[in-house]
């Protein structure tokens, strides 16, 4: 994803992203904050038993985001403060690469604390596979020439989303389509609606 951002032309930062109310520049700013969160969490040890895992880490909201949330609005203002896309690119590469190194060095079994919950580092990082795969799809939602998320990340994320849903998506759905439809990032076609069957009643899964 860092490579995809690094290769974006400057004009693409002003295009809409797949996140309601955010342009690409706003989403990239959010990714910087995410990377900072990973760095903070991996050095915030916990002594108590885990209260969440990679699946229960997620809360499913009843309504999709509107872009009016104060934190969402703050992200837009922070993104505007960068002024130039190259600064966003630099900061994401700098903090993102550090988060990647920290993740590789972390013991998956250690317990860490975030959002007033305790997880193993492995579960926490697995949750971020889903987070960043979905945001990679958001990044390229209106950028047809940008590279897509790695196939392994799409497959892993689909598996986690299916566990959150408590049901599998039809085999005819590609991993990408399962993630997009499952999280409400695009509406299912009539044919997909029919294939979803009882799973339709659980969608979209708005993850927070």
N, C-alpha and C. Protein backbone atom coordinates (compact mmCIF):
# COMPACT_ATOMS: atom_id res chain seq x y z
N UNK A 1 0.82 -1.19 0.00
CA UNK A 1 0.00 0.00 0.00
C UNK A 1 0.87 1.26 0.00
N UNK A 2 1.98 1.22 0.74
CA UNK A 2 2.90 2.36 0.72
C UNK A 2 3.43 2.59 -0.68
N UNK A 3 3.71 1.51 -1.39
CA UNK A 3 4.20 1.64 -2.76
C UNK A 3 3.12 2.24 -3.66
N UNK A 4 1.88 1.79 -3.47
CA UNK A 4 0.78 2.33 -4.27
C UNK A 4 0.65 3.82 -4.06
N UNK A 5 0.75 4.27 -2.81
CA UNK A 5 0.65 5.71 -2.51
C UNK A 5 1.84 6.45 -3.11
N UNK A 6 3.03 5.89 -2.96
CA UNK A 6 4.24 6.55 -3.46
C UNK A 6 4.20 6.78 -4.96
N UNK A 7 3.50 5.89 -5.67
CA UNK A 7 3.48 5.98 -7.13
C UNK A 7 2.31 6.80 -7.67
N UNK A 8 1.45 7.32 -6.80
CA UNK A 8 0.31 8.11 -7.27
C UNK A 8 0.76 9.46 -7.82
N UNK A 9 0.25 9.86 -8.97
CA UNK A 9 0.49 11.23 -9.43
C UNK A 9 -0.14 12.22 -8.47
N UNK A 10 0.43 13.41 -8.39
CA UNK A 10 -0.07 14.41 -7.45
C UNK A 10 -1.56 14.70 -7.63
N UNK A 11 -2.02 14.71 -8.88
CA UNK A 11 -3.42 15.07 -9.13
C UNK A 11 -4.39 14.04 -8.55
N UNK A 12 -3.92 12.81 -8.34
CA UNK A 12 -4.81 11.76 -7.80
C UNK A 12 -5.16 12.01 -6.34
N UNK A 13 -4.37 12.81 -5.64
CA UNK A 13 -4.65 13.08 -4.23
C UNK A 13 -5.92 13.91 -4.05
N UNK A 14 -6.34 14.58 -5.09
CA UNK A 14 -7.56 15.39 -5.02
C UNK A 14 -8.79 14.61 -5.47
N UNK A 15 -8.60 13.37 -5.88
CA UNK A 15 -9.74 12.55 -6.32
C UNK A 15 -10.45 11.95 -5.12
N UNK A 16 -11.71 11.56 -5.28
CA UNK A 16 -12.42 10.93 -4.16
C UNK A 16 -11.86 9.56 -3.86
N UNK A 17 -11.96 9.16 -2.61
CA UNK A 17 -11.59 7.81 -2.21
C UNK A 17 -12.86 7.00 -1.99
N UNK A 18 -12.69 5.77 -1.56
CA UNK A 18 -13.85 4.94 -1.26
C UNK A 18 -14.45 5.22 0.11
N UNK A 19 -13.88 6.15 0.87
CA UNK A 19 -14.40 6.53 2.19
C UNK A 19 -15.27 7.77 2.04
N UNK A 20 -16.49 7.67 2.50
CA UNK A 20 -17.44 8.77 2.37
C UNK A 20 -16.87 10.06 2.96
N UNK A 21 -16.86 11.12 2.15
CA UNK A 21 -16.40 12.43 2.61
C UNK A 21 -14.91 12.66 2.54
N UNK A 22 -14.16 11.65 2.14
CA UNK A 22 -12.70 11.78 2.09
C UNK A 22 -12.19 11.71 0.67
N UNK A 23 -11.23 12.59 0.37
CA UNK A 23 -10.46 12.46 -0.85
C UNK A 23 -9.28 11.52 -0.57
N UNK A 24 -8.54 11.21 -1.61
CA UNK A 24 -7.38 10.32 -1.44
C UNK A 24 -6.41 10.90 -0.42
N UNK A 25 -6.18 12.22 -0.47
CA UNK A 25 -5.24 12.82 0.48
C UNK A 25 -5.69 12.62 1.93
N UNK A 26 -7.00 12.66 2.16
CA UNK A 26 -7.51 12.47 3.52
C UNK A 26 -7.29 11.02 3.97
N UNK A 27 -7.52 10.09 3.06
CA UNK A 27 -7.31 8.69 3.39
C UNK A 27 -5.83 8.42 3.70
N UNK A 28 -4.94 9.01 2.92
CA UNK A 28 -3.50 8.80 3.16
C UNK A 28 -3.13 9.36 4.53
N UNK A 29 -3.71 10.50 4.89
CA UNK A 29 -3.46 11.06 6.22
C UNK A 29 -3.95 10.09 7.30
N UNK A 30 -5.09 9.48 7.08
CA UNK A 30 -5.61 8.48 8.02
C UNK A 30 -4.66 7.28 8.13
N UNK A 31 -4.07 6.87 7.01
CA UNK A 31 -3.13 5.75 7.04
C UNK A 31 -1.90 6.09 7.87
N UNK A 32 -1.48 7.35 7.83
CA UNK A 32 -0.36 7.79 8.67
C UNK A 32 -0.73 7.64 10.15
N UNK A 33 -1.94 8.06 10.49
CA UNK A 33 -2.41 7.93 11.87
C UNK A 33 -2.49 6.46 12.27
N UNK A 34 -2.96 5.62 11.36
CA UNK A 34 -3.01 4.18 11.62
C UNK A 34 -1.62 3.63 11.93
N UNK A 35 -0.64 4.01 11.13
CA UNK A 35 0.72 3.52 11.34
C UNK A 35 1.26 3.97 12.69
N UNK A 36 0.93 5.20 13.07
CA UNK A 36 1.34 5.68 14.39
C UNK A 36 0.67 4.86 15.49
N UNK A 37 -0.58 4.50 15.27
CA UNK A 37 -1.31 3.68 16.24
C UNK A 37 -0.64 2.32 16.42
N UNK A 38 -0.19 1.73 15.32
CA UNK A 38 0.51 0.44 15.41
C UNK A 38 1.78 0.58 16.24
N UNK A 39 2.55 1.64 15.99
CA UNK A 39 3.78 1.85 16.75
C UNK A 39 3.49 2.04 18.23
N UNK A 40 2.46 2.81 18.54
CA UNK A 40 2.11 3.06 19.94
C UNK A 40 1.64 1.77 20.62
N UNK A 41 0.76 1.04 19.95
CA UNK A 41 0.17 -0.15 20.56
C UNK A 41 1.21 -1.23 20.81
N UNK A 42 2.14 -1.41 19.88
CA UNK A 42 3.13 -2.48 20.04
C UNK A 42 4.09 -2.22 21.19
N UNK A 43 4.15 -1.00 21.68
CA UNK A 43 4.99 -0.71 22.86
C UNK A 43 4.12 -0.32 24.06
N UNK A 44 2.87 -0.78 24.04
CA UNK A 44 1.97 -0.57 25.19
C UNK A 44 1.59 -1.93 25.74
N UNK A 45 2.44 -2.50 26.59
CA UNK A 45 2.20 -3.86 27.08
C UNK A 45 1.02 -3.94 28.04
N UNK A 46 0.44 -5.12 28.12
CA UNK A 46 -0.66 -5.39 29.05
C UNK A 46 -0.35 -6.66 29.82
N UNK A 47 -0.77 -6.71 31.07
CA UNK A 47 -0.50 -7.86 31.92
C UNK A 47 -1.71 -8.78 32.04
N UNK A 48 -2.89 -8.28 31.72
CA UNK A 48 -4.11 -9.06 31.90
C UNK A 48 -4.37 -9.95 30.69
N UNK A 49 -5.34 -10.85 30.84
CA UNK A 49 -5.70 -11.76 29.75
C UNK A 49 -6.33 -10.98 28.59
N UNK A 50 -6.17 -11.47 27.37
CA UNK A 50 -6.79 -10.79 26.22
C UNK A 50 -8.31 -10.70 26.37
N UNK A 51 -8.85 -9.56 26.00
CA UNK A 51 -10.30 -9.37 26.00
C UNK A 51 -10.88 -9.43 24.59
N UNK A 52 -10.02 -9.34 23.58
CA UNK A 52 -10.46 -9.41 22.18
C UNK A 52 -9.44 -10.20 21.38
N UNK A 53 -9.88 -10.65 20.19
CA UNK A 53 -8.94 -11.24 19.24
C UNK A 53 -9.11 -10.50 17.91
N UNK A 54 -8.52 -11.02 16.84
CA UNK A 54 -8.54 -10.32 15.55
C UNK A 54 -9.95 -10.16 15.00
N UNK A 55 -10.87 -11.03 15.41
CA UNK A 55 -12.25 -10.97 14.92
C UNK A 55 -13.10 -10.10 15.83
N UNK A 56 -13.04 -10.35 17.13
CA UNK A 56 -13.87 -9.58 18.06
C UNK A 56 -13.34 -8.17 18.30
N UNK A 57 -12.16 -7.88 17.78
CA UNK A 57 -11.63 -6.50 17.81
C UNK A 57 -12.61 -5.54 17.16
N UNK A 58 -13.32 -6.05 16.15
CA UNK A 58 -14.20 -5.19 15.35
C UNK A 58 -15.59 -5.09 15.95
N UNK A 59 -16.11 -3.87 15.98
CA UNK A 59 -17.52 -3.63 16.30
C UNK A 59 -18.25 -3.40 14.99
N UNK A 60 -19.44 -3.96 14.86
CA UNK A 60 -20.24 -3.78 13.66
C UNK A 60 -21.30 -2.72 13.94
N UNK A 61 -21.20 -1.59 13.24
CA UNK A 61 -22.14 -0.49 13.44
C UNK A 61 -23.41 -0.72 12.64
N UNK A 62 -24.46 -0.03 13.03
CA UNK A 62 -25.75 -0.19 12.35
C UNK A 62 -25.84 0.66 11.09
N UNK A 63 -25.11 1.75 11.05
CA UNK A 63 -25.20 2.65 9.89
C UNK A 63 -23.81 2.97 9.34
N UNK A 64 -23.70 3.16 8.03
CA UNK A 64 -22.41 3.52 7.43
C UNK A 64 -21.98 4.92 7.87
N UNK A 65 -20.69 5.21 7.83
CA UNK A 65 -20.22 6.55 8.18
C UNK A 65 -20.71 7.58 7.16
N UNK A 66 -20.93 8.79 7.65
CA UNK A 66 -21.42 9.87 6.79
C UNK A 66 -20.33 10.89 6.46
N UNK A 67 -19.20 10.79 7.16
CA UNK A 67 -18.14 11.78 6.97
C UNK A 67 -18.28 12.97 7.90
N UNK A 68 -19.34 12.99 8.74
CA UNK A 68 -19.59 14.11 9.64
C UNK A 68 -19.00 13.91 11.03
N UNK A 69 -18.45 12.74 11.30
CA UNK A 69 -17.85 12.48 12.61
C UNK A 69 -16.72 13.47 12.87
N UNK A 70 -16.62 14.01 14.11
CA UNK A 70 -15.57 15.01 14.40
C UNK A 70 -14.16 14.51 14.10
N UNK A 71 -13.88 13.23 14.36
CA UNK A 71 -12.54 12.70 14.06
C UNK A 71 -12.31 12.63 12.56
N UNK A 72 -13.36 12.30 11.80
CA UNK A 72 -13.23 12.29 10.34
C UNK A 72 -12.94 13.69 9.83
N UNK A 73 -13.63 14.67 10.40
CA UNK A 73 -13.41 16.06 9.99
C UNK A 73 -12.01 16.53 10.37
N UNK A 74 -11.52 16.07 11.51
CA UNK A 74 -10.16 16.42 11.93
C UNK A 74 -9.14 15.87 10.94
N UNK A 75 -9.36 14.66 10.45
CA UNK A 75 -8.45 14.07 9.48
C UNK A 75 -8.37 14.91 8.22
N UNK A 76 -9.51 15.44 7.78
CA UNK A 76 -9.53 16.29 6.59
C UNK A 76 -8.69 17.55 6.82
N UNK A 77 -8.81 18.14 8.01
CA UNK A 77 -8.03 19.35 8.30
C UNK A 77 -6.54 19.04 8.39
N UNK A 78 -6.21 17.90 8.99
CA UNK A 78 -4.80 17.51 9.07
C UNK A 78 -4.21 17.27 7.68
N UNK A 79 -4.99 16.61 6.83
CA UNK A 79 -4.51 16.34 5.47
C UNK A 79 -4.25 17.64 4.72
N UNK A 80 -5.13 18.63 4.90
CA UNK A 80 -4.97 19.91 4.21
C UNK A 80 -3.71 20.63 4.69
N UNK A 81 -3.31 20.39 5.94
CA UNK A 81 -2.13 21.06 6.48
C UNK A 81 -0.84 20.61 5.81
N UNK A 82 -0.86 19.41 5.22
CA UNK A 82 0.34 18.94 4.51
C UNK A 82 0.61 19.75 3.24
N UNK A 83 -0.42 20.29 2.65
CA UNK A 83 -0.36 21.17 1.47
C UNK A 83 0.11 20.46 0.21
N UNK A 84 1.19 19.70 0.27
CA UNK A 84 1.73 19.06 -0.93
C UNK A 84 1.69 17.54 -0.79
N UNK A 85 1.27 16.84 -1.86
CA UNK A 85 1.22 15.37 -1.81
C UNK A 85 2.55 14.72 -1.42
N UNK A 86 3.66 15.32 -1.83
CA UNK A 86 4.96 14.70 -1.53
C UNK A 86 5.22 14.61 -0.03
N UNK A 87 4.64 15.55 0.73
CA UNK A 87 4.81 15.50 2.18
C UNK A 87 4.01 14.36 2.79
N UNK A 88 2.82 14.13 2.27
CA UNK A 88 2.03 12.98 2.71
C UNK A 88 2.74 11.68 2.36
N UNK A 89 3.26 11.61 1.15
CA UNK A 89 3.99 10.42 0.72
C UNK A 89 5.18 10.15 1.63
N UNK A 90 5.93 11.19 1.92
CA UNK A 90 7.12 11.03 2.76
C UNK A 90 6.75 10.55 4.15
N UNK A 91 5.73 11.18 4.76
CA UNK A 91 5.38 10.82 6.13
C UNK A 91 4.82 9.40 6.20
N UNK A 92 4.00 9.01 5.22
CA UNK A 92 3.48 7.65 5.23
C UNK A 92 4.60 6.64 5.06
N UNK A 93 5.55 6.91 4.17
CA UNK A 93 6.65 5.97 3.97
C UNK A 93 7.51 5.88 5.23
N UNK A 94 7.74 7.02 5.87
CA UNK A 94 8.58 7.08 7.05
C UNK A 94 7.94 6.32 8.22
N UNK A 95 6.71 6.69 8.56
CA UNK A 95 6.03 6.06 9.70
C UNK A 95 5.56 4.65 9.35
N UNK A 96 5.10 4.48 8.12
CA UNK A 96 4.61 3.16 7.71
C UNK A 96 5.70 2.12 7.68
N UNK A 97 6.87 2.48 7.20
CA UNK A 97 7.96 1.51 7.18
C UNK A 97 8.42 1.17 8.60
N UNK A 98 8.38 2.16 9.50
CA UNK A 98 8.73 1.90 10.90
C UNK A 98 7.71 0.95 11.53
N UNK A 99 6.43 1.15 11.22
CA UNK A 99 5.40 0.25 11.74
C UNK A 99 5.60 -1.17 11.21
N UNK A 100 5.99 -1.28 9.96
CA UNK A 100 6.25 -2.59 9.38
C UNK A 100 7.41 -3.29 10.06
N UNK A 101 8.47 -2.55 10.36
CA UNK A 101 9.62 -3.14 11.05
C UNK A 101 9.24 -3.56 12.46
N UNK A 102 8.47 -2.71 13.13
CA UNK A 102 8.04 -3.04 14.50
C UNK A 102 7.17 -4.29 14.51
N UNK A 103 6.30 -4.42 13.52
CA UNK A 103 5.43 -5.59 13.43
C UNK A 103 6.25 -6.86 13.21
N UNK A 104 7.27 -6.77 12.36
CA UNK A 104 8.11 -7.93 12.08
C UNK A 104 8.91 -8.36 13.30
N UNK A 105 9.26 -7.41 14.15
CA UNK A 105 10.07 -7.71 15.34
C UNK A 105 9.24 -8.15 16.53
N UNK A 106 7.94 -7.86 16.49
CA UNK A 106 7.08 -8.13 17.66
C UNK A 106 6.86 -9.62 17.86
N UNK A 107 6.84 -10.02 19.12
CA UNK A 107 6.47 -11.39 19.48
C UNK A 107 4.95 -11.50 19.38
N UNK A 108 4.42 -12.36 18.51
CA UNK A 108 2.96 -12.44 18.35
C UNK A 108 2.22 -12.80 19.62
N UNK A 109 2.91 -13.40 20.59
CA UNK A 109 2.24 -13.85 21.80
C UNK A 109 2.15 -12.77 22.88
N UNK A 110 2.92 -11.69 22.77
CA UNK A 110 2.87 -10.67 23.81
C UNK A 110 1.50 -10.00 23.81
N UNK A 111 1.11 -9.50 24.97
CA UNK A 111 -0.18 -8.84 25.08
C UNK A 111 0.01 -7.33 25.02
N UNK A 112 -0.85 -6.69 24.26
CA UNK A 112 -0.79 -5.24 24.10
C UNK A 112 -2.17 -4.65 24.36
N UNK A 113 -2.18 -3.36 24.65
CA UNK A 113 -3.43 -2.69 24.98
C UNK A 113 -3.73 -1.59 23.97
N UNK A 114 -4.99 -1.54 23.53
CA UNK A 114 -5.46 -0.49 22.63
C UNK A 114 -6.96 -0.36 22.77
N UNK A 115 -7.46 0.85 22.68
CA UNK A 115 -8.91 1.11 22.76
C UNK A 115 -9.53 0.49 24.02
N UNK A 116 -8.77 0.51 25.11
CA UNK A 116 -9.22 -0.06 26.39
C UNK A 116 -9.48 -1.56 26.31
N UNK A 117 -8.84 -2.23 25.37
CA UNK A 117 -8.94 -3.68 25.23
C UNK A 117 -7.53 -4.27 25.21
N UNK A 118 -7.45 -5.58 25.47
CA UNK A 118 -6.17 -6.29 25.45
C UNK A 118 -6.22 -7.37 24.38
N UNK A 119 -5.19 -7.41 23.53
CA UNK A 119 -5.06 -8.43 22.50
C UNK A 119 -3.63 -8.94 22.50
N UNK A 120 -3.41 -10.10 21.91
CA UNK A 120 -2.04 -10.47 21.60
C UNK A 120 -1.58 -9.60 20.44
N UNK A 121 -0.29 -9.40 20.33
CA UNK A 121 0.23 -8.60 19.21
C UNK A 121 -0.14 -9.25 17.88
N UNK A 122 -0.13 -10.59 17.84
CA UNK A 122 -0.49 -11.28 16.61
C UNK A 122 -1.91 -11.00 16.18
N UNK A 123 -2.85 -11.05 17.14
CA UNK A 123 -4.24 -10.75 16.81
C UNK A 123 -4.41 -9.29 16.39
N UNK A 124 -3.73 -8.41 17.10
CA UNK A 124 -3.82 -6.98 16.76
C UNK A 124 -3.35 -6.73 15.33
N UNK A 125 -2.22 -7.33 14.97
CA UNK A 125 -1.70 -7.13 13.62
C UNK A 125 -2.57 -7.80 12.57
N UNK A 126 -3.17 -8.95 12.91
CA UNK A 126 -4.11 -9.58 11.99
C UNK A 126 -5.30 -8.66 11.72
N UNK A 127 -5.79 -7.99 12.77
CA UNK A 127 -6.91 -7.05 12.58
C UNK A 127 -6.52 -5.95 11.61
N UNK A 128 -5.26 -5.55 11.65
CA UNK A 128 -4.80 -4.50 10.75
C UNK A 128 -4.62 -4.99 9.32
N UNK A 129 -4.46 -6.29 9.12
CA UNK A 129 -4.47 -6.81 7.75
C UNK A 129 -5.81 -6.48 7.10
N UNK A 130 -6.89 -6.71 7.85
CA UNK A 130 -8.22 -6.38 7.33
C UNK A 130 -8.38 -4.87 7.16
N UNK A 131 -7.98 -4.11 8.16
CA UNK A 131 -8.08 -2.65 8.10
C UNK A 131 -7.38 -2.09 6.87
N UNK A 132 -6.15 -2.48 6.67
CA UNK A 132 -5.38 -1.89 5.59
C UNK A 132 -5.73 -2.46 4.21
N UNK A 133 -6.20 -3.68 4.17
CA UNK A 133 -6.67 -4.21 2.89
C UNK A 133 -7.91 -3.45 2.43
N UNK A 134 -8.84 -3.22 3.35
CA UNK A 134 -10.04 -2.45 3.00
C UNK A 134 -9.66 -1.03 2.59
N UNK A 135 -8.71 -0.43 3.29
CA UNK A 135 -8.32 0.93 2.94
C UNK A 135 -7.52 0.99 1.64
N UNK A 136 -6.83 -0.08 1.31
CA UNK A 136 -6.19 -0.13 -0.01
C UNK A 136 -7.26 -0.11 -1.10
N UNK A 137 -8.34 -0.86 -0.87
CA UNK A 137 -9.46 -0.83 -1.82
C UNK A 137 -10.10 0.56 -1.87
N UNK A 138 -10.18 1.24 -0.72
CA UNK A 138 -10.69 2.61 -0.70
C UNK A 138 -9.77 3.54 -1.49
N UNK A 139 -8.48 3.33 -1.34
CA UNK A 139 -7.50 4.17 -2.01
C UNK A 139 -7.67 4.14 -3.53
N UNK A 140 -7.92 2.95 -4.07
CA UNK A 140 -7.96 2.78 -5.53
C UNK A 140 -9.38 2.79 -6.09
N UNK A 141 -10.36 3.12 -5.25
CA UNK A 141 -11.77 3.03 -5.67
C UNK A 141 -12.05 3.80 -6.95
N UNK A 142 -11.38 4.93 -7.15
CA UNK A 142 -11.59 5.75 -8.34
C UNK A 142 -10.30 5.94 -9.12
N UNK A 143 -9.37 5.01 -8.92
CA UNK A 143 -8.06 5.06 -9.59
C UNK A 143 -7.82 3.73 -10.29
N UNK A 144 -8.40 3.54 -11.46
CA UNK A 144 -8.35 2.24 -12.13
C UNK A 144 -6.95 1.74 -12.47
N UNK A 145 -5.98 2.64 -12.55
CA UNK A 145 -4.63 2.22 -12.94
C UNK A 145 -3.73 1.91 -11.74
N UNK A 146 -4.23 2.15 -10.53
CA UNK A 146 -3.41 1.91 -9.34
C UNK A 146 -3.37 0.42 -9.01
N UNK A 147 -2.27 -0.06 -8.44
CA UNK A 147 -2.17 -1.49 -8.10
C UNK A 147 -3.15 -1.89 -7.00
N UNK A 148 -3.66 -3.12 -7.09
CA UNK A 148 -4.62 -3.62 -6.11
C UNK A 148 -3.88 -4.24 -4.92
N UNK A 149 -4.60 -4.51 -3.84
CA UNK A 149 -3.96 -5.16 -2.68
C UNK A 149 -3.42 -6.53 -3.06
N UNK A 150 -2.41 -7.01 -2.34
CA UNK A 150 -1.87 -8.36 -2.59
C UNK A 150 -2.96 -9.41 -2.45
N UNK A 151 -2.89 -10.44 -3.27
CA UNK A 151 -3.90 -11.50 -3.25
C UNK A 151 -3.98 -12.17 -1.88
N UNK A 152 -2.84 -12.37 -1.23
CA UNK A 152 -2.84 -13.03 0.08
C UNK A 152 -3.60 -12.20 1.11
N UNK A 153 -3.44 -10.87 1.03
CA UNK A 153 -4.15 -9.99 1.96
C UNK A 153 -5.65 -10.01 1.71
N UNK A 154 -6.04 -10.06 0.44
CA UNK A 154 -7.46 -10.13 0.10
C UNK A 154 -8.09 -11.42 0.63
N UNK A 155 -7.38 -12.53 0.44
CA UNK A 155 -7.90 -13.82 0.90
C UNK A 155 -8.00 -13.88 2.41
N UNK A 156 -6.96 -13.42 3.09
CA UNK A 156 -6.97 -13.41 4.56
C UNK A 156 -8.08 -12.50 5.08
N UNK A 157 -8.26 -11.36 4.45
CA UNK A 157 -9.28 -10.41 4.90
C UNK A 157 -10.68 -10.96 4.67
N UNK A 158 -10.87 -11.63 3.54
CA UNK A 158 -12.17 -12.26 3.29
C UNK A 158 -12.49 -13.28 4.39
N UNK A 159 -11.50 -14.09 4.75
CA UNK A 159 -11.71 -15.08 5.79
C UNK A 159 -12.12 -14.44 7.12
N UNK A 160 -11.48 -13.33 7.46
CA UNK A 160 -11.83 -12.65 8.70
C UNK A 160 -13.23 -12.05 8.63
N UNK A 161 -13.56 -11.46 7.48
CA UNK A 161 -14.90 -10.88 7.33
C UNK A 161 -15.97 -11.95 7.43
N UNK A 162 -15.70 -13.11 6.88
CA UNK A 162 -16.66 -14.21 6.97
C UNK A 162 -16.86 -14.66 8.42
N UNK A 163 -15.79 -14.64 9.20
CA UNK A 163 -15.92 -14.99 10.62
C UNK A 163 -16.72 -13.93 11.36
N UNK A 164 -16.51 -12.67 11.01
CA UNK A 164 -17.29 -11.59 11.63
C UNK A 164 -18.76 -11.75 11.28
N UNK A 165 -19.03 -12.11 10.03
CA UNK A 165 -20.41 -12.28 9.57
C UNK A 165 -21.04 -13.55 10.10
N UNK A 166 -20.21 -14.53 10.43
CA UNK A 166 -20.72 -15.82 10.86
C UNK A 166 -21.26 -16.64 9.71
N UNK A 167 -20.79 -16.33 8.50
CA UNK A 167 -21.25 -17.04 7.29
C UNK A 167 -20.26 -16.79 6.17
N UNK A 168 -20.19 -17.72 5.24
CA UNK A 168 -19.28 -17.60 4.10
C UNK A 168 -19.98 -16.92 2.93
N UNK A 169 -19.20 -16.16 2.17
CA UNK A 169 -19.72 -15.60 0.93
C UNK A 169 -19.74 -16.68 -0.15
N UNK A 170 -20.61 -16.56 -1.13
CA UNK A 170 -20.65 -17.56 -2.20
C UNK A 170 -19.29 -17.73 -2.86
N UNK A 171 -18.98 -18.93 -3.28
CA UNK A 171 -17.69 -19.20 -3.92
C UNK A 171 -17.52 -18.41 -5.21
N UNK A 172 -18.64 -18.04 -5.83
CA UNK A 172 -18.56 -17.27 -7.08
C UNK A 172 -18.04 -15.85 -6.86
N UNK A 173 -18.08 -15.38 -5.62
CA UNK A 173 -17.57 -14.04 -5.31
C UNK A 173 -16.05 -14.09 -5.25
N UNK A 174 -15.39 -13.18 -5.95
CA UNK A 174 -13.95 -13.04 -5.76
C UNK A 174 -13.72 -12.47 -4.36
N UNK A 175 -12.47 -12.59 -3.87
CA UNK A 175 -12.16 -12.04 -2.56
C UNK A 175 -12.44 -10.53 -2.52
N UNK A 176 -12.06 -9.84 -3.57
CA UNK A 176 -12.28 -8.40 -3.64
C UNK A 176 -13.76 -8.07 -3.59
N UNK A 177 -14.57 -8.78 -4.37
CA UNK A 177 -16.01 -8.50 -4.39
C UNK A 177 -16.66 -8.83 -3.05
N UNK A 178 -16.20 -9.90 -2.41
CA UNK A 178 -16.74 -10.24 -1.09
C UNK A 178 -16.48 -9.11 -0.09
N UNK A 179 -15.30 -8.52 -0.16
CA UNK A 179 -14.96 -7.43 0.76
C UNK A 179 -15.74 -6.16 0.43
N UNK A 180 -15.84 -5.85 -0.85
CA UNK A 180 -16.55 -4.63 -1.25
C UNK A 180 -18.04 -4.72 -0.93
N UNK A 181 -18.65 -5.81 -1.31
CA UNK A 181 -20.08 -5.99 -1.06
C UNK A 181 -20.34 -6.19 0.43
N UNK A 182 -19.49 -7.00 1.06
CA UNK A 182 -19.70 -7.33 2.46
C UNK A 182 -19.64 -6.13 3.39
N UNK A 183 -18.81 -5.15 3.04
CA UNK A 183 -18.68 -3.96 3.90
C UNK A 183 -19.46 -2.77 3.36
N UNK A 184 -20.25 -2.99 2.33
CA UNK A 184 -21.08 -1.91 1.81
C UNK A 184 -20.35 -0.91 0.95
N UNK A 185 -19.16 -1.29 0.48
CA UNK A 185 -18.41 -0.37 -0.37
C UNK A 185 -18.95 -0.34 -1.80
N UNK A 186 -19.69 -1.34 -2.17
CA UNK A 186 -20.49 -1.28 -3.39
C UNK A 186 -21.73 -2.14 -3.21
N UNK A 187 -22.78 -1.79 -3.96
CA UNK A 187 -24.03 -2.54 -3.86
C UNK A 187 -23.91 -3.83 -4.67
N UNK A 188 -24.49 -4.90 -4.20
CA UNK A 188 -24.47 -6.15 -4.98
C UNK A 188 -25.36 -6.04 -6.21
N UNK A 189 -24.97 -6.74 -7.25
CA UNK A 189 -25.83 -6.81 -8.43
C UNK A 189 -27.05 -7.69 -8.10
N UNK A 190 -28.02 -7.70 -8.99
CA UNK A 190 -29.20 -8.54 -8.76
C UNK A 190 -28.80 -10.01 -8.64
N UNK A 191 -27.86 -10.43 -9.50
CA UNK A 191 -27.41 -11.83 -9.46
C UNK A 191 -26.70 -12.12 -8.15
N UNK A 192 -25.89 -11.20 -7.68
CA UNK A 192 -25.18 -11.39 -6.42
C UNK A 192 -26.17 -11.41 -5.25
N UNK A 193 -27.18 -10.56 -5.32
CA UNK A 193 -28.20 -10.56 -4.27
C UNK A 193 -28.82 -11.94 -4.13
N UNK A 194 -29.14 -12.54 -5.25
CA UNK A 194 -29.77 -13.86 -5.23
C UNK A 194 -28.83 -14.90 -4.63
N UNK A 195 -27.54 -14.80 -4.97
CA UNK A 195 -26.57 -15.78 -4.46
C UNK A 195 -26.30 -15.62 -2.97
N UNK A 196 -26.43 -14.40 -2.47
CA UNK A 196 -26.13 -14.15 -1.06
C UNK A 196 -27.11 -14.85 -0.13
N UNK A 197 -28.32 -15.03 -0.58
CA UNK A 197 -29.31 -15.73 0.24
C UNK A 197 -29.52 -15.06 1.58
N UNK A 198 -29.48 -15.86 2.65
CA UNK A 198 -29.75 -15.34 3.99
C UNK A 198 -28.68 -14.37 4.47
N UNK A 199 -27.49 -14.44 3.87
CA UNK A 199 -26.42 -13.52 4.26
C UNK A 199 -26.80 -12.07 3.98
N UNK A 200 -27.71 -11.85 3.03
CA UNK A 200 -28.13 -10.48 2.68
C UNK A 200 -28.59 -9.71 3.91
N UNK A 201 -29.28 -10.39 4.81
CA UNK A 201 -29.85 -9.71 5.97
C UNK A 201 -28.78 -9.17 6.92
N UNK A 202 -27.55 -9.69 6.84
CA UNK A 202 -26.48 -9.25 7.72
C UNK A 202 -25.65 -8.12 7.14
N UNK A 203 -25.87 -7.81 5.87
CA UNK A 203 -25.03 -6.84 5.18
C UNK A 203 -25.72 -5.48 5.09
N UNK A 204 -24.91 -4.40 5.03
CA UNK A 204 -23.45 -4.40 5.05
C UNK A 204 -22.89 -4.52 6.47
N UNK A 205 -21.68 -5.02 6.57
CA UNK A 205 -20.96 -5.08 7.84
C UNK A 205 -20.11 -3.82 7.93
N UNK A 206 -20.59 -2.87 8.71
CA UNK A 206 -19.89 -1.59 8.86
C UNK A 206 -18.94 -1.74 10.06
N UNK A 207 -17.66 -1.88 9.77
CA UNK A 207 -16.67 -2.20 10.81
C UNK A 207 -16.09 -0.95 11.42
N UNK A 208 -16.01 -0.98 12.75
CA UNK A 208 -15.40 0.14 13.46
C UNK A 208 -14.55 -0.39 14.62
